[in-house]
Protein backbone atom coordinates (compact mmCIF):
# COMPACT_ATOMS: atom_id res chain seq x y z
CA MET A 1 -225.94 45.89 43.65
CA MET A 2 -223.17 45.66 46.26
CA LYS A 3 -221.85 49.09 45.36
CA ARG A 4 -225.34 50.57 45.65
CA LEU A 5 -225.68 49.34 49.21
CA VAL A 6 -222.22 50.01 50.60
CA ALA A 7 -222.46 53.72 49.88
CA PRO A 8 -225.50 54.31 52.08
CA LEU A 9 -223.66 52.88 55.06
CA ALA A 10 -220.67 55.07 54.44
CA ILE A 11 -222.82 58.07 53.59
CA GLY A 12 -224.99 57.47 56.64
CA GLY A 13 -221.92 57.25 58.85
CA ALA A 14 -220.56 60.47 57.40
CA LEU A 15 -223.90 62.17 57.91
CA LEU A 16 -224.20 60.96 61.46
CA THR A 17 -220.85 62.50 62.31
CA GLY A 18 -222.06 65.86 61.09
CA ALA A 19 -220.01 65.94 57.92
CA THR A 20 -223.00 67.28 56.03
CA THR A 21 -226.70 67.85 56.31
CA VAL A 22 -228.40 66.50 53.24
CA ALA A 23 -232.13 66.76 53.66
CA GLY A 24 -234.45 64.35 51.89
CA THR A 25 -231.83 62.64 49.76
CA ALA A 26 -232.59 59.23 48.27
CA TYR A 27 -229.78 56.69 48.43
CA ALA A 28 -229.56 53.60 46.28
CA ALA A 29 -232.98 54.33 44.77
CA THR A 30 -234.61 54.03 48.18
CA PRO A 31 -236.70 57.04 49.14
CA VAL A 32 -235.89 58.74 52.40
CA ALA A 33 -238.47 61.00 53.97
CA THR A 34 -237.77 64.72 53.72
CA ALA A 35 -236.50 66.07 57.00
CA THR A 36 -235.07 69.23 58.43
CA SER A 37 -231.40 69.27 59.26
CA SER A 38 -232.22 68.60 62.92
CA GLY A 39 -234.44 65.65 62.04
CA HIS A 40 -232.26 64.42 59.23
CA THR A 41 -229.89 62.48 61.47
CA GLN A 42 -232.82 60.46 62.80
CA THR A 43 -234.05 59.81 59.24
CA VAL A 44 -230.62 58.51 58.22
CA LYS A 45 -230.42 56.34 61.34
CA THR A 46 -233.83 54.90 60.55
CA TRP A 47 -232.84 54.20 56.94
CA ILE A 48 -229.57 52.54 57.98
CA LYS A 49 -231.37 50.43 60.57
CA ALA A 50 -233.90 49.26 57.98
CA HIS A 51 -231.13 48.26 55.55
CA ARG A 52 -228.43 47.10 57.96
CA ARG A 53 -228.43 43.45 56.89
CA ALA A 54 -227.94 44.26 53.23
CA LEU A 55 -225.30 46.84 54.09
CA ARG A 56 -223.39 44.37 56.27
CA ARG A 57 -223.67 41.60 53.70
CA ASP A 58 -222.34 43.78 50.90
CA GLY A 59 -219.58 45.30 53.03
CA ILE A 60 -218.49 41.80 54.01
CA ALA A 61 -218.60 40.63 50.39
CA ILE A 62 -216.41 43.50 49.17
CA SER A 63 -214.00 43.09 52.08
CA ALA A 64 -213.76 39.31 51.62
CA LYS A 65 -213.16 39.64 47.88
CA THR A 66 -210.41 42.20 48.51
CA ILE A 67 -208.77 40.02 51.15
CA GLY A 68 -209.10 36.84 49.07
CA VAL A 69 -211.28 34.82 51.43
CA THR A 70 -214.89 33.75 51.29
CA PRO A 71 -217.48 35.92 53.00
CA LYS A 72 -218.32 32.97 55.25
CA ASP A 73 -214.68 32.67 56.38
CA LEU A 74 -214.49 36.41 57.01
CA VAL A 75 -217.64 36.33 59.14
CA THR A 76 -216.24 33.40 61.14
CA GLU A 77 -213.07 35.38 61.83
CA LEU A 78 -215.05 38.49 62.80
CA ARG A 79 -217.19 36.47 65.20
CA SER A 80 -214.04 35.15 66.85
CA GLY A 81 -213.16 38.72 67.87
CA LYS A 82 -210.96 39.89 65.02
CA SER A 83 -211.34 43.03 62.94
CA ILE A 84 -211.40 43.14 59.16
CA ALA A 85 -207.91 44.66 59.35
CA ASP A 86 -206.70 41.68 61.42
CA VAL A 87 -208.04 39.20 58.88
CA ALA A 88 -206.52 41.20 56.03
CA ALA A 89 -203.11 41.23 57.75
CA GLU A 90 -203.26 37.45 58.25
CA ASN A 91 -203.80 37.12 54.49
CA SER A 92 -200.97 39.54 53.56
CA VAL A 93 -203.36 42.31 52.52
CA SER A 94 -203.07 45.77 54.01
CA ALA A 95 -206.05 47.25 55.81
CA GLN A 96 -205.70 50.29 53.55
CA THR A 97 -206.36 48.10 50.52
CA VAL A 98 -209.68 47.02 52.04
CA VAL A 99 -210.52 50.62 52.95
CA ASN A 100 -209.72 51.70 49.38
CA ALA A 101 -212.00 49.01 47.94
CA LEU A 102 -214.90 50.04 50.19
CA VAL A 103 -214.32 53.75 49.56
CA GLY A 104 -214.15 53.06 45.82
CA ALA A 105 -217.51 51.31 45.91
CA ALA A 106 -219.01 54.17 47.92
CA ASP A 107 -217.50 56.80 45.61
CA THR A 108 -219.04 55.09 42.61
CA ALA A 109 -222.46 55.20 44.23
CA ILE A 110 -222.00 58.84 45.27
CA ASN A 111 -221.00 59.81 41.73
CA LYS A 112 -224.11 58.07 40.44
CA ALA A 113 -226.23 59.96 42.98
CA VAL A 114 -224.74 63.25 41.73
CA ALA A 115 -225.39 62.24 38.11
CA ASP A 116 -228.97 61.34 39.03
CA HIS A 117 -229.36 64.72 40.80
CA GLU A 118 -229.92 63.06 44.18
CA LEU A 119 -226.91 64.90 45.65
CA SER A 120 -225.29 68.21 44.81
CA SER A 121 -221.59 68.33 43.99
CA ALA A 122 -220.92 70.18 47.24
CA GLU A 123 -222.78 67.58 49.30
CA ALA A 124 -220.95 64.78 47.51
CA ALA A 125 -217.58 66.43 48.16
CA LYS A 126 -218.31 66.68 51.91
CA ILE A 127 -219.40 63.05 52.07
CA GLU A 128 -216.43 61.80 50.03
CA ALA A 129 -214.05 63.72 52.30
CA ALA A 130 -215.44 61.90 55.36
CA LEU A 131 -215.53 58.41 53.82
CA PRO A 132 -211.94 57.23 54.28
CA GLY A 133 -211.93 58.03 57.99
CA ARG A 134 -215.32 56.48 58.70
CA ILE A 135 -214.61 53.36 56.66
CA GLY A 136 -211.15 53.13 58.24
CA GLU A 137 -212.82 53.02 61.65
CA LEU A 138 -215.15 50.29 60.43
CA VAL A 139 -212.30 48.16 59.04
CA ASN A 140 -210.33 48.47 62.28
CA HIS A 141 -213.33 47.88 64.55
CA THR A 142 -213.47 44.61 66.49
CA PHE A 143 -216.95 43.15 66.29
């Protein structure tokens, strides 16, 4: 379930940056209203907003597991003003390792979406190309 929910955040972030315009795509078996490319960004924002708690929870869980701490400890560190990369460095884990874990989870969900005909191969390629950068920003962001 974690992998199903991390991908929409990453995909949504990639879509919001203009990496692709996928109209009416369903992510993680959650229907998204069909929209034109101009209205699609708003649809994605709405979907992300509706699922933000689950997305955060699963992103934290994957990050914490990769770093080797509990999700509760990671959240405590983030609330104290550190980034996920800072916490990873304190635990002798590179930030790139965390990025790779999150990108891997998102890639798995994207591949499933292609297999389920929810995304075309071209759309998936555009999204996957944008993932490392967007997730890298997330990992290095101070909350």
